[in-house]
Amino acid sequence: MKLKLLIPLVAVTALLGLLLLGLGLNSRDLPSPLVGKPAPAFALEALEDPQTILTEQDFIGEVALVNVWATWCSTCRAEKPLLMELARAGIPIHAFNYRDEREAALRYLAMTESPYRTIAYDPAGDAGIDWGVYATPETYVLDAEGVIRYKRIGPLTRQLLLDEVLPLIERLRAESAGRAS
């Protein structure tokens, strides 16, 4: 009789232990299985021109950032000044407008400058699923061949740019230049 009571108690205790362990993890540090692999294929309308179809090939050819954003994401708006700085410094930034309304995104971009070279419109989040998007904003670094070399869940910060993103971009650009010569 005691054994019948002990088994569920052990199972519940183990489950609670796993849940507590999971709560202690930082979701921004979750490893992405896509890092080190080619950017997933997609074919989406361009946000600004539904007649233009963008694919992963439009994001490839030089070291670049890919940013996942939406107008309903306040954190996306907060990180935009940093993205503008990167764009002004010559870092190409491509984007997915994720699970958003086209009209809202176009109004937002009309009111402010855009750091993005190209924006793929992903209203259903289909490409986002393939890219492993957890939430907005997310940022990826692609090398010139289109391999994902870095993923950040959550907003970029100046310190993160200085410590991780910009050194990686410099290294990838140097590697790319070395292969070209």
C-alpha atoms as a PDB file:
ATOM      1  CA  MET A   1       0.000   0.000   0.000  1.00  0.00           C
ATOM      2  CA  LYS A   2       2.802   2.430   0.891  1.00  0.00           C
ATOM      3  CA  LEU A   3       4.553   1.690  -2.411  1.00  0.00           C
ATOM      4  CA  LYS A   4       1.462   2.784  -4.360  1.00  0.00           C
ATOM      5  CA  LEU A   5       1.599   6.163  -2.619  1.00  0.00           C
ATOM      6  CA  LEU A   6       5.356   6.518  -2.910  1.00  0.00           C
ATOM      7  CA  ILE A   7       5.551   6.158  -6.721  1.00  0.00           C
ATOM      8  CA  PRO A   8       3.279   9.162  -7.527  1.00  0.00           C
ATOM      9  CA  LEU A   9       5.029  11.225  -4.847  1.00  0.00           C
ATOM     10  CA  VAL A  10       8.445  10.519  -6.397  1.00  0.00           C
ATOM     11  CA  ALA A  11       7.103  11.285  -9.898  1.00  0.00           C
ATOM     12  CA  VAL A  12       5.565  14.606  -8.806  1.00  0.00           C
ATOM     13  CA  THR A  13       8.734  15.574  -6.924  1.00  0.00           C
ATOM     14  CA  ALA A  14      10.875  14.843  -9.990  1.00  0.00           C
ATOM     15  CA  LEU A  15       8.543  16.852 -12.229  1.00  0.00           C
ATOM     16  CA  LEU A  16       8.602  19.817  -9.847  1.00  0.00           C
ATOM     17  CA  GLY A  17      12.395  19.623  -9.736  1.00  0.00           C
ATOM     18  CA  LEU A  18      12.577  19.803 -13.540  1.00  0.00           C
ATOM     19  CA  LEU A  19      10.172  22.743 -13.621  1.00  0.00           C
ATOM     20  CA  LEU A  20      12.221  24.637 -11.043  1.00  0.00           C
ATOM     21  CA  LEU A  21      15.392  23.937 -12.999  1.00  0.00           C
ATOM     22  CA  GLY A  22      13.732  25.257 -16.159  1.00  0.00           C
ATOM     23  CA  LEU A  23      12.621  28.429 -14.416  1.00  0.00           C
ATOM     24  CA  GLY A  24      16.225  29.125 -13.489  1.00  0.00           C
ATOM     25  CA  LEU A  25      17.426  29.074 -17.099  1.00  0.00           C
ATOM     26  CA  ASN A  26      17.765  32.306 -19.060  1.00  0.00           C
ATOM     27  CA  SER A  27      15.668  31.942 -22.222  1.00  0.00           C
ATOM     28  CA  ARG A  28      17.940  34.437 -24.025  1.00  0.00           C
ATOM     29  CA  ASP A  29      20.799  31.961 -23.660  1.00  0.00           C
ATOM     30  CA  LEU A  30      18.962  29.008 -25.179  1.00  0.00           C
ATOM     31  CA  PRO A  31      21.238  27.403 -27.746  1.00  0.00           C
ATOM     32  CA  SER A  32      19.863  27.445 -31.263  1.00  0.00           C
ATOM     33  CA  PRO A  33      20.168  24.279 -33.321  1.00  0.00           C
ATOM     34  CA  LEU A  34      20.389  26.547 -36.389  1.00  0.00           C
ATOM     35  CA  VAL A  35      23.697  28.177 -35.424  1.00  0.00           C
ATOM     36  CA  GLY A  36      26.296  26.796 -37.813  1.00  0.00           C
ATOM     37  CA  LYS A  37      23.686  25.818 -40.404  1.00  0.00           C
ATOM     38  CA  PRO A  38      22.477  27.570 -43.559  1.00  0.00           C
ATOM     39  CA  ALA A  39      19.657  30.055 -43.138  1.00  0.00           C
ATOM     40  CA  PRO A  40      16.331  28.265 -43.654  1.00  0.00           C
ATOM     41  CA  ALA A  41      14.658  28.720 -47.008  1.00  0.00           C
ATOM     42  CA  PHE A  42      11.619  30.967 -47.294  1.00  0.00           C
ATOM     43  CA  ALA A  43       9.618  32.779 -49.951  1.00  0.00           C
ATOM     44  CA  LEU A  44       7.652  35.750 -48.622  1.00  0.00           C
ATOM     45  CA  GLU A  45       6.262  38.992 -49.975  1.00  0.00           C
ATOM     46  CA  ALA A  46       8.334  42.084 -49.364  1.00  0.00           C
ATOM     47  CA  LEU A  47       6.635  44.228 -46.739  1.00  0.00           C
ATOM     48  CA  GLU A  48       6.719  47.357 -48.902  1.00  0.00           C
ATOM     49  CA  ASP A  49       5.826  45.635 -52.193  1.00  0.00           C
ATOM     50  CA  PRO A  50       3.610  42.537 -52.154  1.00  0.00           C
ATOM     51  CA  GLN A  51       4.497  41.916 -55.819  1.00  0.00           C
ATOM     52  CA  THR A  52       8.145  41.297 -54.856  1.00  0.00           C
ATOM     53  CA  ILE A  53       8.956  37.879 -53.420  1.00  0.00           C
ATOM     54  CA  LEU A  54      11.956  37.705 -51.107  1.00  0.00           C
ATOM     55  CA  THR A  55      13.871  34.524 -50.322  1.00  0.00           C
ATOM     56  CA  GLU A  56      16.787  33.650 -48.086  1.00  0.00           C
ATOM     57  CA  GLN A  57      19.009  34.471 -51.088  1.00  0.00           C
ATOM     58  CA  ASP A  58      18.125  38.151 -50.611  1.00  0.00           C
ATOM     59  CA  PHE A  59      19.770  37.997 -47.168  1.00  0.00           C
ATOM     60  CA  ILE A  60      22.957  36.309 -48.412  1.00  0.00           C
ATOM     61  CA  GLY A  61      26.155  37.585 -50.031  1.00  0.00           C
ATOM     62  CA  GLU A  62      27.708  39.622 -47.254  1.00  0.00           C
ATOM     63  CA  VAL A  63      27.932  39.461 -43.498  1.00  0.00           C
ATOM     64  CA  ALA A  64      24.601  40.797 -42.262  1.00  0.00           C
ATOM     65  CA  LEU A  65      22.118  40.918 -39.429  1.00  0.00           C
ATOM     66  CA  VAL A  66      18.596  39.556 -39.686  1.00  0.00           C
ATOM     67  CA  ASN A  67      16.184  41.138 -37.213  1.00  0.00           C
ATOM     68  CA  VAL A  68      12.721  39.799 -36.378  1.00  0.00           C
ATOM     69  CA  TRP A  69      10.365  42.597 -35.327  1.00  0.00           C
ATOM     70  CA  ALA A  70       6.728  43.686 -35.095  1.00  0.00           C
ATOM     71  CA  THR A  71       4.934  46.953 -34.452  1.00  0.00           C
ATOM     72  CA  TRP A  72       3.138  45.472 -31.426  1.00  0.00           C
ATOM     73  CA  CYS A  73       6.516  44.681 -29.818  1.00  0.00           C
ATOM     74  CA  SER A  74       7.559  47.523 -27.508  1.00  0.00           C
ATOM     75  CA  THR A  75      10.987  45.957 -27.043  1.00  0.00           C
ATOM     76  CA  CYS A  76      11.479  46.054 -30.825  1.00  0.00           C
ATOM     77  CA  ARG A  77      10.828  49.802 -30.798  1.00  0.00           C
ATOM     78  CA  ALA A  78      13.263  50.222 -27.909  1.00  0.00           C
ATOM     79  CA  GLU A  79      16.120  48.468 -29.742  1.00  0.00           C
ATOM     80  CA  LYS A  80      15.558  50.366 -33.012  1.00  0.00           C
ATOM     81  CA  PRO A  81      18.005  53.224 -32.223  1.00  0.00           C
ATOM     82  CA  LEU A  82      20.815  50.657 -31.923  1.00  0.00           C
ATOM     83  CA  LEU A  83      19.790  49.094 -35.227  1.00  0.00           C
ATOM     84  CA  MET A  84      19.841  52.565 -36.809  1.00  0.00           C
ATOM     85  CA  GLU A  85      23.401  53.077 -35.533  1.00  0.00           C
ATOM     86  CA  LEU A  86      24.475  49.743 -37.013  1.00  0.00           C
ATOM     87  CA  ALA A  87      22.856  50.555 -40.358  1.00  0.00           C
ATOM     88  CA  ARG A  88      24.537  53.979 -40.463  1.00  0.00           C
ATOM     89  CA  ALA A  89      27.852  52.238 -39.727  1.00  0.00           C
ATOM     90  CA  GLY A  90      27.380  50.151 -42.884  1.00  0.00           C
ATOM     91  CA  ILE A  91      26.154  46.890 -41.392  1.00  0.00           C
ATOM     92  CA  PRO A  92      23.439  45.444 -43.635  1.00  0.00           C
ATOM     93  CA  ILE A  93      20.268  44.575 -41.745  1.00  0.00           C
ATOM     94  CA  HIS A  94      17.503  42.451 -43.221  1.00  0.00           C
ATOM     95  CA  ALA A  95      14.285  41.690 -41.394  1.00  0.00           C
ATOM     96  CA  PHE A  96      11.177  39.651 -40.927  1.00  0.00           C
ATOM     97  CA  ASN A  97       8.091  41.638 -39.993  1.00  0.00           C
ATOM     98  CA  TYR A  98       6.621  38.910 -37.821  1.00  0.00           C
ATOM     99  CA  ARG A  99       2.928  38.219 -37.155  1.00  0.00           C
ATOM    100  CA  ASP A 100       2.025  41.816 -37.809  1.00  0.00           C
ATOM    101  CA  GLU A 101      -0.470  43.818 -39.850  1.00  0.00           C
ATOM    102  CA  ARG A 102       1.085  45.130 -43.071  1.00  0.00           C
ATOM    103  CA  GLU A 103      -0.651  48.512 -42.755  1.00  0.00           C
ATOM    104  CA  ALA A 104       0.561  49.010 -39.175  1.00  0.00           C
ATOM    105  CA  ALA A 105       4.129  48.120 -40.155  1.00  0.00           C
ATOM    106  CA  LEU A 106       4.081  50.463 -43.150  1.00  0.00           C
ATOM    107  CA  ARG A 107       2.694  53.325 -41.016  1.00  0.00           C
ATOM    108  CA  TYR A 108       5.398  52.711 -38.411  1.00  0.00           C
ATOM    109  CA  LEU A 109       8.155  52.761 -41.026  1.00  0.00           C
ATOM    110  CA  ALA A 110       6.700  55.888 -42.666  1.00  0.00           C
ATOM    111  CA  MET A 111       6.898  57.750 -39.321  1.00  0.00           C
ATOM    112  CA  THR A 112      10.508  56.811 -38.592  1.00  0.00           C
ATOM    113  CA  GLU A 113      13.676  55.887 -40.426  1.00  0.00           C
ATOM    114  CA  SER A 114      14.167  52.260 -41.285  1.00  0.00           C
ATOM    115  CA  PRO A 115      17.430  50.434 -40.591  1.00  0.00           C
ATOM    116  CA  TYR A 116      16.399  47.577 -42.882  1.00  0.00           C
ATOM    117  CA  ARG A 117      17.617  46.907 -46.423  1.00  0.00           C
ATOM    118  CA  THR A 118      14.920  44.317 -47.032  1.00  0.00           C
ATOM    119  CA  ILE A 119      11.898  43.290 -45.002  1.00  0.00           C
ATOM    120  CA  ALA A 120      10.135  39.984 -45.579  1.00  0.00           C
ATOM    121  CA  TYR A 121       6.496  40.080 -44.481  1.00  0.00           C
ATOM    122  CA  ASP A 122       5.691  37.007 -42.357  1.00  0.00           C
ATOM    123  CA  PRO A 123       2.111  37.568 -41.127  1.00  0.00           C
ATOM    124  CA  ALA A 124       1.463  33.944 -40.172  1.00  0.00           C
ATOM    125  CA  GLY A 125       4.920  33.400 -38.674  1.00  0.00           C
ATOM    126  CA  ASP A 126       5.666  30.484 -41.019  1.00  0.00           C
ATOM    127  CA  ALA A 127       9.236  31.550 -41.815  1.00  0.00           C
ATOM    128  CA  GLY A 128       9.699  32.476 -38.175  1.00  0.00           C
ATOM    129  CA  ILE A 129       8.902  28.906 -37.183  1.00  0.00           C
ATOM    130  CA  ASP A 130      11.504  27.588 -39.619  1.00  0.00           C
ATOM    131  CA  TRP A 131      14.055  30.080 -38.290  1.00  0.00           C
ATOM    132  CA  GLY A 132      13.319  29.002 -34.699  1.00  0.00           C
ATOM    133  CA  VAL A 133      11.816  32.309 -33.579  1.00  0.00           C
ATOM    134  CA  TYR A 134      10.693  32.209 -29.952  1.00  0.00           C
ATOM    135  CA  ALA A 135       9.596  35.839 -29.619  1.00  0.00           C
ATOM    136  CA  THR A 136      10.304  39.304 -30.918  1.00  0.00           C
ATOM    137  CA  PRO A 137      12.789  40.801 -31.176  1.00  0.00           C
ATOM    138  CA  GLU A 138      15.328  38.260 -32.271  1.00  0.00           C
ATOM    139  CA  THR A 139      18.530  38.927 -34.153  1.00  0.00           C
ATOM    140  CA  TYR A 140      20.733  36.644 -36.196  1.00  0.00           C
ATOM    141  CA  VAL A 141      24.172  37.160 -37.695  1.00  0.00           C
ATOM    142  CA  LEU A 142      24.640  35.557 -41.099  1.00  0.00           C
ATOM    143  CA  ASP A 143      28.025  35.061 -42.687  1.00  0.00           C
ATOM    144  CA  ALA A 144      28.493  35.904 -46.377  1.00  0.00           C
ATOM    145  CA  GLU A 145      27.534  32.360 -47.387  1.00  0.00           C
ATOM    146  CA  GLY A 146      24.240  32.544 -45.473  1.00  0.00           C
ATOM    147  CA  VAL A 147      25.221  30.409 -42.498  1.00  0.00           C
ATOM    148  CA  ILE A 148      23.696  31.468 -39.189  1.00  0.00           C
ATOM    149  CA  ARG A 149      26.617  32.233 -36.896  1.00  0.00           C
ATOM    150  CA  TYR A 150      24.787  33.851 -33.969  1.00  0.00           C
ATOM    151  CA  LYS A 151      21.284  34.169 -32.547  1.00  0.00           C
ATOM    152  CA  ARG A 152      20.008  36.534 -29.876  1.00  0.00           C
ATOM    153  CA  ILE A 153      16.580  36.162 -28.322  1.00  0.00           C
ATOM    154  CA  GLY A 154      15.437  39.509 -26.973  1.00  0.00           C
ATOM    155  CA  PRO A 155      16.670  43.015 -27.564  1.00  0.00           C
ATOM    156  CA  LEU A 156      20.190  43.961 -28.474  1.00  0.00           C
ATOM    157  CA  THR A 157      22.022  46.173 -26.015  1.00  0.00           C
ATOM    158  CA  ARG A 158      25.042  48.380 -26.540  1.00  0.00           C
ATOM    159  CA  GLN A 159      27.133  46.102 -24.302  1.00  0.00           C
ATOM    160  CA  LEU A 160      26.037  42.995 -26.189  1.00  0.00           C
ATOM    161  CA  LEU A 161      26.960  44.675 -29.468  1.00  0.00           C
ATOM    162  CA  LEU A 162      30.391  45.621 -28.160  1.00  0.00           C
ATOM    163  CA  ASP A 163      31.101  42.272 -26.497  1.00  0.00           C
ATOM    164  CA  GLU A 164      29.629  39.789 -28.966  1.00  0.00           C
ATOM    165  CA  VAL A 165      27.993  41.038 -32.160  1.00  0.00           C
ATOM    166  CA  LEU A 166      30.485  43.573 -33.551  1.00  0.00           C
ATOM    167  CA  PRO A 167      33.578  41.409 -32.875  1.00  0.00           C
ATOM    168  CA  LEU A 168      31.840  38.503 -34.621  1.00  0.00           C
ATOM    169  CA  ILE A 169      30.914  40.670 -37.608  1.00  0.00           C
ATOM    170  CA  GLU A 170      34.510  41.924 -37.874  1.00  0.00           C
ATOM    171  CA  ARG A 171      35.858  38.371 -37.717  1.00  0.00           C
ATOM    172  CA  LEU A 172      33.381  37.100 -40.310  1.00  0.00           C
ATOM    173  CA  ARG A 173      34.154  40.018 -42.632  1.00  0.00           C
ATOM    174  CA  ALA A 174      37.884  39.298 -42.307  1.00  0.00           C
ATOM    175  CA  GLU A 175      37.298  35.615 -43.068  1.00  0.00           C
ATOM    176  CA  SER A 176      35.160  36.507 -46.072  1.00  0.00           C
ATOM    177  CA  ALA A 177      37.782  38.946 -47.384  1.00  0.00           C
ATOM    178  CA  GLY A 178      40.470  36.281 -46.901  1.00  0.00           C
ATOM    179  CA  ARG A 179      38.533  33.804 -49.012  1.00  0.00           C
ATOM    180  CA  ALA A 180      37.912  36.383 -51.727  1.00  0.00           C
ATOM    181  CA  SER A 181      41.614  37.173 -52.190  1.00  0.00           C
END
